[in-house]
Each structure stands twice: as C-alpha cells, then as structure tokens.
N, C-alpha and C. Protein backbone atom coordinates (compact mmCIF):
# COMPACT_ATOMS: atom_id res chain seq x y z
N UNK A 1 0.82 -1.20 0.00
CA UNK A 1 0.00 0.00 0.00
C UNK A 1 0.86 1.27 0.00
N UNK A 2 2.17 1.10 -0.19
CA UNK A 2 3.05 2.26 -0.20
C UNK A 2 2.74 3.15 -1.39
N UNK A 3 2.67 4.44 -1.15
CA UNK A 3 2.38 5.39 -2.21
C UNK A 3 0.91 5.70 -2.37
N UNK A 4 0.05 4.81 -1.93
CA UNK A 4 -1.39 5.06 -2.02
C UNK A 4 -1.86 5.83 -0.79
N UNK A 5 -2.87 6.67 -0.95
CA UNK A 5 -3.37 7.39 0.23
C UNK A 5 -3.98 6.41 1.22
N UNK A 6 -3.79 6.71 2.49
CA UNK A 6 -4.35 5.88 3.56
C UNK A 6 -5.30 6.74 4.38
N UNK A 7 -6.27 6.12 4.99
CA UNK A 7 -7.27 6.83 5.78
C UNK A 7 -7.44 6.12 7.12
N UNK A 8 -7.65 6.89 8.14
CA UNK A 8 -7.96 6.33 9.44
C UNK A 8 -9.44 6.59 9.70
N UNK A 9 -10.17 5.55 10.00
CA UNK A 9 -11.61 5.64 10.19
C UNK A 9 -11.93 5.38 11.66
N UNK A 10 -12.65 6.29 12.27
CA UNK A 10 -13.09 6.12 13.66
C UNK A 10 -14.61 6.10 13.63
N UNK A 11 -15.17 4.99 14.07
CA UNK A 11 -16.61 4.81 13.99
C UNK A 11 -17.12 4.37 15.36
N UNK A 12 -18.22 4.94 15.81
CA UNK A 12 -18.87 4.48 17.04
C UNK A 12 -20.10 3.70 16.63
N UNK A 13 -20.15 2.42 16.99
CA UNK A 13 -21.22 1.51 16.58
C UNK A 13 -22.03 1.13 17.81
N UNK A 14 -23.36 1.05 17.65
CA UNK A 14 -24.23 0.79 18.80
C UNK A 14 -24.63 -0.67 18.95
N UNK A 15 -24.28 -1.53 18.00
CA UNK A 15 -24.65 -2.94 18.16
C UNK A 15 -23.49 -3.84 17.75
N UNK A 16 -23.39 -4.95 18.43
CA UNK A 16 -22.32 -5.91 18.14
C UNK A 16 -22.46 -6.49 16.74
N UNK A 17 -23.68 -6.63 16.26
CA UNK A 17 -23.92 -7.17 14.91
C UNK A 17 -23.36 -6.24 13.84
N UNK A 18 -23.61 -4.94 13.99
CA UNK A 18 -23.06 -3.98 13.02
C UNK A 18 -21.54 -3.97 13.07
N UNK A 19 -20.99 -4.09 14.28
CA UNK A 19 -19.54 -4.12 14.44
C UNK A 19 -18.96 -5.33 13.71
N UNK A 20 -19.58 -6.49 13.87
CA UNK A 20 -19.11 -7.71 13.19
C UNK A 20 -19.18 -7.55 11.67
N UNK A 21 -20.23 -6.90 11.17
CA UNK A 21 -20.38 -6.67 9.74
C UNK A 21 -19.26 -5.78 9.21
N UNK A 22 -18.97 -4.72 9.93
CA UNK A 22 -17.91 -3.79 9.51
C UNK A 22 -16.56 -4.51 9.50
N UNK A 23 -16.27 -5.26 10.53
CA UNK A 23 -14.99 -5.98 10.60
C UNK A 23 -14.87 -7.00 9.48
N UNK A 24 -15.97 -7.68 9.17
CA UNK A 24 -15.92 -8.69 8.10
C UNK A 24 -15.67 -8.05 6.73
N UNK A 25 -16.00 -6.77 6.56
CA UNK A 25 -15.80 -6.08 5.28
C UNK A 25 -14.35 -5.63 5.07
N UNK A 26 -13.51 -5.72 6.08
CA UNK A 26 -12.12 -5.29 5.94
C UNK A 26 -11.40 -6.10 4.86
N UNK A 27 -11.60 -7.39 4.82
CA UNK A 27 -11.24 -8.24 3.69
C UNK A 27 -9.80 -8.10 3.19
N UNK A 28 -8.81 -7.93 4.09
CA UNK A 28 -7.42 -7.88 3.66
C UNK A 28 -6.96 -6.53 3.11
N UNK A 29 -7.87 -5.64 2.79
CA UNK A 29 -7.51 -4.33 2.26
C UNK A 29 -7.25 -3.32 3.38
N UNK A 30 -7.63 -3.71 4.58
CA UNK A 30 -7.45 -2.82 5.72
C UNK A 30 -7.11 -3.66 6.94
N UNK A 31 -6.50 -3.01 7.93
CA UNK A 31 -6.17 -3.69 9.18
C UNK A 31 -6.93 -3.02 10.31
N UNK A 32 -7.41 -3.83 11.23
CA UNK A 32 -8.05 -3.31 12.42
C UNK A 32 -6.93 -2.94 13.39
N UNK A 33 -6.77 -1.66 13.68
CA UNK A 33 -5.68 -1.19 14.52
C UNK A 33 -6.04 -1.19 15.99
N UNK A 34 -7.31 -1.09 16.28
CA UNK A 34 -7.72 -1.07 17.68
C UNK A 34 -9.23 -1.00 17.79
N UNK A 35 -9.70 -1.36 18.97
CA UNK A 35 -11.12 -1.33 19.21
C UNK A 35 -11.30 -1.32 20.72
N UNK A 36 -12.28 -0.59 21.22
CA UNK A 36 -12.57 -0.63 22.65
C UNK A 36 -14.06 -0.49 22.88
N UNK A 37 -14.50 -1.07 23.96
CA UNK A 37 -15.90 -0.93 24.35
C UNK A 37 -16.07 0.42 25.04
N UNK A 38 -17.09 1.14 24.66
CA UNK A 38 -17.34 2.47 25.22
C UNK A 38 -18.21 2.32 26.46
N UNK A 39 -17.78 2.97 27.54
CA UNK A 39 -18.57 2.99 28.77
C UNK A 39 -19.25 4.34 28.89
N UNK A 40 -20.12 4.48 29.84
CA UNK A 40 -20.79 5.76 30.07
C UNK A 40 -19.79 6.87 30.37
N UNK A 41 -18.65 6.50 30.99
CA UNK A 41 -17.64 7.49 31.33
C UNK A 41 -17.00 8.09 30.09
N UNK A 42 -17.00 7.35 28.97
CA UNK A 42 -16.37 7.81 27.73
C UNK A 42 -17.32 8.58 26.83
N UNK A 43 -18.57 8.73 27.22
CA UNK A 43 -19.58 9.33 26.36
C UNK A 43 -19.40 10.85 26.29
N UNK A 44 -19.08 11.40 25.11
CA UNK A 44 -18.87 12.84 24.99
C UNK A 44 -20.13 13.64 25.30
N UNK A 45 -21.30 13.04 25.21
CA UNK A 45 -22.54 13.76 25.50
C UNK A 45 -22.63 14.15 26.97
N UNK A 46 -21.87 13.44 27.83
CA UNK A 46 -21.89 13.74 29.26
C UNK A 46 -20.97 14.90 29.64
N UNK A 47 -20.17 15.36 28.73
CA UNK A 47 -19.21 16.42 29.05
C UNK A 47 -19.92 17.75 29.22
N UNK A 48 -19.54 18.46 30.24
CA UNK A 48 -20.18 19.72 30.59
C UNK A 48 -19.80 20.81 29.59
N UNK A 49 -20.76 21.54 29.14
CA UNK A 49 -20.54 22.66 28.24
C UNK A 49 -20.76 23.97 29.00
N UNK A 50 -20.04 24.99 28.62
CA UNK A 50 -20.21 26.29 29.26
C UNK A 50 -21.40 26.98 28.60
N UNK A 51 -22.35 27.36 29.40
CA UNK A 51 -23.54 28.04 28.91
C UNK A 51 -23.41 29.53 29.19
N UNK A 52 -24.33 30.33 28.67
CA UNK A 52 -24.27 31.77 28.88
C UNK A 52 -24.38 32.13 30.35
N UNK A 53 -25.12 31.34 31.13
CA UNK A 53 -25.26 31.65 32.55
C UNK A 53 -23.95 31.38 33.31
N UNK A 54 -23.21 30.34 32.95
CA UNK A 54 -21.93 30.08 33.62
C UNK A 54 -20.84 31.02 33.10
N UNK A 55 -20.96 31.46 31.86
CA UNK A 55 -19.96 32.35 31.28
C UNK A 55 -19.91 33.68 32.02
N UNK A 56 -21.07 34.16 32.50
CA UNK A 56 -21.12 35.44 33.20
C UNK A 56 -20.32 35.41 34.49
N UNK A 57 -20.21 34.24 35.11
CA UNK A 57 -19.50 34.12 36.37
C UNK A 57 -17.99 33.97 36.18
N UNK A 58 -17.52 33.83 34.95
CA UNK A 58 -16.10 33.64 34.69
C UNK A 58 -15.35 34.96 34.73
N UNK A 59 -14.11 34.90 35.15
CA UNK A 59 -13.27 36.09 35.19
C UNK A 59 -12.26 36.02 34.05
N UNK A 60 -11.93 37.17 33.48
CA UNK A 60 -11.00 37.22 32.36
C UNK A 60 -9.79 38.06 32.72
N UNK A 61 -8.62 37.60 32.28
CA UNK A 61 -7.38 38.34 32.46
C UNK A 61 -6.65 38.29 31.12
N UNK A 62 -6.34 39.44 30.58
CA UNK A 62 -5.63 39.50 29.30
C UNK A 62 -6.40 38.84 28.17
N UNK A 63 -7.73 38.88 28.21
CA UNK A 63 -8.55 38.30 27.17
C UNK A 63 -8.77 36.81 27.28
N UNK A 64 -8.20 36.19 28.31
CA UNK A 64 -8.36 34.75 28.52
C UNK A 64 -9.04 34.51 29.86
N UNK A 65 -9.76 33.39 29.93
CA UNK A 65 -10.41 33.06 31.20
C UNK A 65 -9.37 32.77 32.26
N UNK A 66 -9.54 33.37 33.43
CA UNK A 66 -8.63 33.15 34.55
C UNK A 66 -9.17 32.00 35.38
N UNK A 67 -8.48 30.88 35.35
CA UNK A 67 -8.92 29.70 36.08
C UNK A 67 -8.15 29.55 37.38
N UNK A 68 -7.17 30.42 37.59
CA UNK A 68 -6.38 30.38 38.82
C UNK A 68 -5.25 29.37 38.81
N UNK A 69 -5.10 28.63 37.72
CA UNK A 69 -4.07 27.60 37.63
C UNK A 69 -3.85 27.27 36.16
N UNK A 70 -2.64 26.88 35.81
CA UNK A 70 -2.39 26.46 34.43
C UNK A 70 -2.81 25.01 34.27
N UNK A 71 -3.03 24.59 33.04
CA UNK A 71 -3.38 23.20 32.78
C UNK A 71 -2.30 22.24 33.24
N UNK A 72 -1.04 22.61 33.02
CA UNK A 72 0.09 21.75 33.43
C UNK A 72 0.13 21.60 34.95
N UNK A 73 -0.10 22.71 35.67
CA UNK A 73 -0.09 22.65 37.13
C UNK A 73 -1.28 21.85 37.66
N UNK A 74 -2.43 22.00 37.02
CA UNK A 74 -3.61 21.22 37.43
C UNK A 74 -3.35 19.73 37.23
N UNK A 75 -2.74 19.36 36.11
CA UNK A 75 -2.41 17.96 35.85
C UNK A 75 -1.45 17.43 36.90
N UNK A 76 -0.41 18.20 37.22
CA UNK A 76 0.56 17.79 38.23
C UNK A 76 -0.11 17.62 39.59
N UNK A 77 -1.00 18.55 39.93
CA UNK A 77 -1.74 18.48 41.19
C UNK A 77 -2.62 17.23 41.25
N UNK A 78 -3.30 16.95 40.16
CA UNK A 78 -4.20 15.81 40.09
C UNK A 78 -3.45 14.48 40.18
N UNK A 79 -2.29 14.40 39.53
CA UNK A 79 -1.54 13.14 39.47
C UNK A 79 -0.50 13.01 40.58
N UNK A 80 -0.46 13.97 41.51
CA UNK A 80 0.58 13.99 42.54
C UNK A 80 0.54 12.77 43.47
N UNK A 81 -0.58 12.09 43.55
CA UNK A 81 -0.67 10.92 44.43
C UNK A 81 0.10 9.72 43.88
N UNK A 82 0.56 9.80 42.63
CA UNK A 82 1.38 8.74 42.05
C UNK A 82 0.62 7.55 41.50
N UNK A 83 -0.69 7.51 41.70
CA UNK A 83 -1.46 6.37 41.20
C UNK A 83 -1.94 6.64 39.77
N UNK A 84 -2.26 5.59 39.00
CA UNK A 84 -2.76 5.78 37.63
C UNK A 84 -4.17 6.39 37.65
N UNK A 85 -4.40 7.31 36.72
CA UNK A 85 -5.70 7.97 36.58
C UNK A 85 -6.22 7.78 35.16
N UNK A 86 -7.49 7.39 35.00
CA UNK A 86 -8.07 7.30 33.66
C UNK A 86 -8.32 8.70 33.09
N UNK A 87 -8.32 8.79 31.79
CA UNK A 87 -8.47 10.08 31.11
C UNK A 87 -9.76 10.80 31.49
N UNK A 88 -10.88 10.04 31.62
CA UNK A 88 -12.14 10.70 31.95
C UNK A 88 -12.08 11.40 33.31
N UNK A 89 -11.29 10.87 34.23
CA UNK A 89 -11.12 11.50 35.54
C UNK A 89 -10.37 12.83 35.40
N UNK A 90 -9.38 12.85 34.54
CA UNK A 90 -8.61 14.07 34.29
C UNK A 90 -9.50 15.10 33.59
N UNK A 91 -10.28 14.65 32.62
CA UNK A 91 -11.20 15.56 31.92
C UNK A 91 -12.19 16.19 32.89
N UNK A 92 -12.74 15.39 33.80
CA UNK A 92 -13.70 15.93 34.77
C UNK A 92 -13.06 16.99 35.66
N UNK A 93 -11.82 16.73 36.09
CA UNK A 93 -11.11 17.70 36.93
C UNK A 93 -10.87 19.00 36.17
N UNK A 94 -10.53 18.90 34.90
CA UNK A 94 -10.32 20.09 34.09
C UNK A 94 -11.62 20.87 33.93
N UNK A 95 -12.71 20.17 33.65
CA UNK A 95 -14.00 20.82 33.47
C UNK A 95 -14.43 21.51 34.76
N UNK A 96 -14.26 20.85 35.90
CA UNK A 96 -14.63 21.44 37.19
C UNK A 96 -13.84 22.70 37.48
N UNK A 97 -12.63 22.78 36.93
CA UNK A 97 -11.79 23.96 37.17
C UNK A 97 -11.99 25.05 36.11
N UNK A 98 -12.89 24.80 35.13
CA UNK A 98 -13.20 25.82 34.12
C UNK A 98 -12.51 25.63 32.79
N UNK A 99 -11.74 24.57 32.64
CA UNK A 99 -11.09 24.29 31.37
C UNK A 99 -12.05 23.53 30.46
N UNK A 100 -11.79 23.56 29.17
CA UNK A 100 -12.51 22.71 28.23
C UNK A 100 -11.91 21.31 28.31
N UNK A 101 -12.74 20.29 28.11
CA UNK A 101 -12.20 18.92 28.09
C UNK A 101 -11.24 18.74 26.93
N UNK A 102 -11.32 19.61 25.92
CA UNK A 102 -10.41 19.51 24.77
C UNK A 102 -8.99 19.94 25.12
N UNK A 103 -8.81 20.65 26.23
CA UNK A 103 -7.47 21.09 26.60
C UNK A 103 -6.67 19.99 27.30
N UNK A 104 -7.30 18.87 27.63
CA UNK A 104 -6.59 17.79 28.31
C UNK A 104 -5.52 17.18 27.40
N UNK A 105 -5.86 16.91 26.16
CA UNK A 105 -4.93 16.24 25.25
C UNK A 105 -3.62 17.02 25.07
N UNK A 106 -3.67 18.32 24.78
CA UNK A 106 -2.40 19.04 24.64
C UNK A 106 -1.57 19.06 25.91
N UNK A 107 -2.22 19.18 27.06
CA UNK A 107 -1.48 19.19 28.33
C UNK A 107 -0.82 17.84 28.57
N UNK A 108 -1.55 16.75 28.31
CA UNK A 108 -0.97 15.41 28.45
C UNK A 108 0.18 15.21 27.47
N UNK A 109 0.01 15.69 26.26
CA UNK A 109 1.04 15.53 25.24
C UNK A 109 2.34 16.24 25.63
N UNK A 110 2.23 17.46 26.12
CA UNK A 110 3.42 18.21 26.53
C UNK A 110 4.10 17.52 27.72
N UNK A 111 3.30 17.10 28.71
CA UNK A 111 3.87 16.42 29.88
C UNK A 111 4.57 15.12 29.48
N UNK A 112 4.00 14.42 28.52
CA UNK A 112 4.62 13.17 28.06
C UNK A 112 5.94 13.46 27.33
N UNK A 113 5.94 14.48 26.47
CA UNK A 113 7.16 14.84 25.75
C UNK A 113 8.26 15.30 26.69
N UNK A 114 7.87 15.95 27.79
CA UNK A 114 8.84 16.42 28.78
C UNK A 114 9.33 15.29 29.68
N UNK A 115 8.73 14.10 29.55
CA UNK A 115 9.15 12.96 30.35
C UNK A 115 8.59 12.96 31.75
N UNK A 116 7.54 13.74 31.99
CA UNK A 116 6.94 13.81 33.32
C UNK A 116 5.75 12.87 33.48
N UNK A 117 5.38 12.17 32.42
CA UNK A 117 4.14 11.41 32.42
C UNK A 117 4.37 10.02 31.85
N UNK A 118 3.74 9.04 32.47
CA UNK A 118 3.79 7.67 31.98
C UNK A 118 2.39 7.29 31.53
N UNK A 119 2.26 6.81 30.29
CA UNK A 119 0.98 6.31 29.78
C UNK A 119 1.04 4.79 29.87
N UNK A 120 0.18 4.22 30.67
CA UNK A 120 0.15 2.78 30.91
C UNK A 120 -0.57 2.06 29.77
N UNK A 121 -0.34 0.75 29.63
CA UNK A 121 -1.01 -0.01 28.57
C UNK A 121 -2.54 0.03 28.64
N UNK A 122 -3.09 0.24 29.84
CA UNK A 122 -4.55 0.32 29.97
C UNK A 122 -5.06 1.75 29.74
N UNK A 123 -4.22 2.62 29.17
CA UNK A 123 -4.54 4.00 28.81
C UNK A 123 -4.71 4.92 30.02
N UNK A 124 -4.34 4.47 31.21
CA UNK A 124 -4.32 5.37 32.35
C UNK A 124 -2.98 6.11 32.33
N UNK A 125 -2.94 7.24 33.00
CA UNK A 125 -1.70 8.02 33.04
C UNK A 125 -1.31 8.26 34.49
N UNK A 126 -0.01 8.37 34.70
CA UNK A 126 0.47 8.70 36.03
C UNK A 126 1.74 9.54 35.91
N UNK A 127 1.96 10.32 36.94
CA UNK A 127 3.10 11.22 36.98
C UNK A 127 4.34 10.43 37.34
N UNK A 128 5.43 10.71 36.65
CA UNK A 128 6.72 10.11 37.01
C UNK A 128 7.31 10.99 38.10
N UNK A 129 7.61 10.41 39.23
CA UNK A 129 8.05 11.19 40.38
C UNK A 129 9.56 11.27 40.51
N UNK A 130 10.27 11.09 39.41
CA UNK A 130 11.72 11.22 39.43
C UNK A 130 12.07 12.70 39.52
N UNK A 131 13.09 13.08 40.29
CA UNK A 131 13.44 14.50 40.42
C UNK A 131 13.78 15.15 39.09
N UNK A 132 14.52 14.45 38.21
CA UNK A 132 14.90 15.06 36.93
C UNK A 132 13.71 15.16 35.99
N UNK A 133 12.67 14.38 36.21
CA UNK A 133 11.47 14.46 35.36
C UNK A 133 10.66 15.71 35.66
N UNK A 134 10.84 16.26 36.86
CA UNK A 134 10.07 17.44 37.27
C UNK A 134 10.73 18.73 36.78
N UNK A 135 11.99 18.67 36.40
CA UNK A 135 12.71 19.87 35.96
C UNK A 135 12.26 20.26 34.55
N UNK A 136 12.25 21.56 34.25
CA UNK A 136 11.91 21.98 32.88
C UNK A 136 12.90 21.41 31.88
N UNK A 137 12.48 21.25 30.65
CA UNK A 137 13.31 20.63 29.61
C UNK A 137 14.60 21.42 29.36
N UNK A 138 14.57 22.76 29.56
CA UNK A 138 15.75 23.58 29.26
C UNK A 138 16.62 23.80 30.49
N UNK A 139 16.29 23.18 31.62
CA UNK A 139 17.09 23.36 32.84
C UNK A 139 18.40 22.58 32.74
N UNK A 140 19.46 23.17 33.31
CA UNK A 140 20.76 22.52 33.29
C UNK A 140 20.92 21.68 34.57
N UNK A 141 21.46 20.46 34.45
CA UNK A 141 21.67 19.64 35.65
C UNK A 141 22.68 20.29 36.57
N UNK A 142 22.53 20.09 37.87
CA UNK A 142 23.45 20.70 38.85
C UNK A 142 24.48 19.72 39.29
C-alpha cells in the first residue's frame, strides 16, 4: 500500500452485529488497529458545556479566562498521588476547574514529551516522580 493514500476511520457503533459486519468487510484491504468498548464514562454527550449563565461568572485576564491555575499545574496536582488515573477523571477535573475537556490532550502531550508522564497499557496516566522528570526541559543539571 506504499504510495497510495491511507485513511484512518473512527466509527462508534451501537450494536455488536453492526460491528461484526464492519470488521468482516475489511477483507485484507485494511487492518483493524484497535477497538474498545465504550462505557458511560467515555460518552462525549456527558461532558459539561459552558452556557451563557456560567460564562457570566467567569473572570477574564488578558482576554483569557482566569482559572487560577495552568493546565500543566492542574495535571501535576491531580496526578501527585502517584497512582494511575483514567483520562475521563482528568477531563472531569479540568471541566470542574473551568477548562474545556479539549485542553486535556495538549497538556498530556506536553507532559509526556517532557518525560513527566507515563501512559500505561490500559490508557491510564500517572506522573513520574523522578526528580529530573520534574525539571523543565531547558534546565541545566546541577
């Protein structure tokens, strides 16, 4: 398939029969890269949206909402106990603090690139508590 365009398809299916039909149609032309059962915790419809009534209570500084904490600091605070946390738990904490659930991914990505975060095989994340992992990427060792 080298040189040909490739596509990644993400589909949410509501019945096992439809899922089996879709998988049977792959027929060697495509590979199933992953699949997971969706729980109520993963349902995007449950995510809190900011309405006009909650927007009035928000404070702004420099044209941005002032949440009193950065996303990186909130993540560090949440994961400070050292135990693995599922993504939906992190999203809920961000939403409760006034962040969009969409801001979780970039914060996790930066923390992972900086070596401060471990992503476990079960998709939970935990903070690496090594002293050098907590230092900024541009800091010089002492």
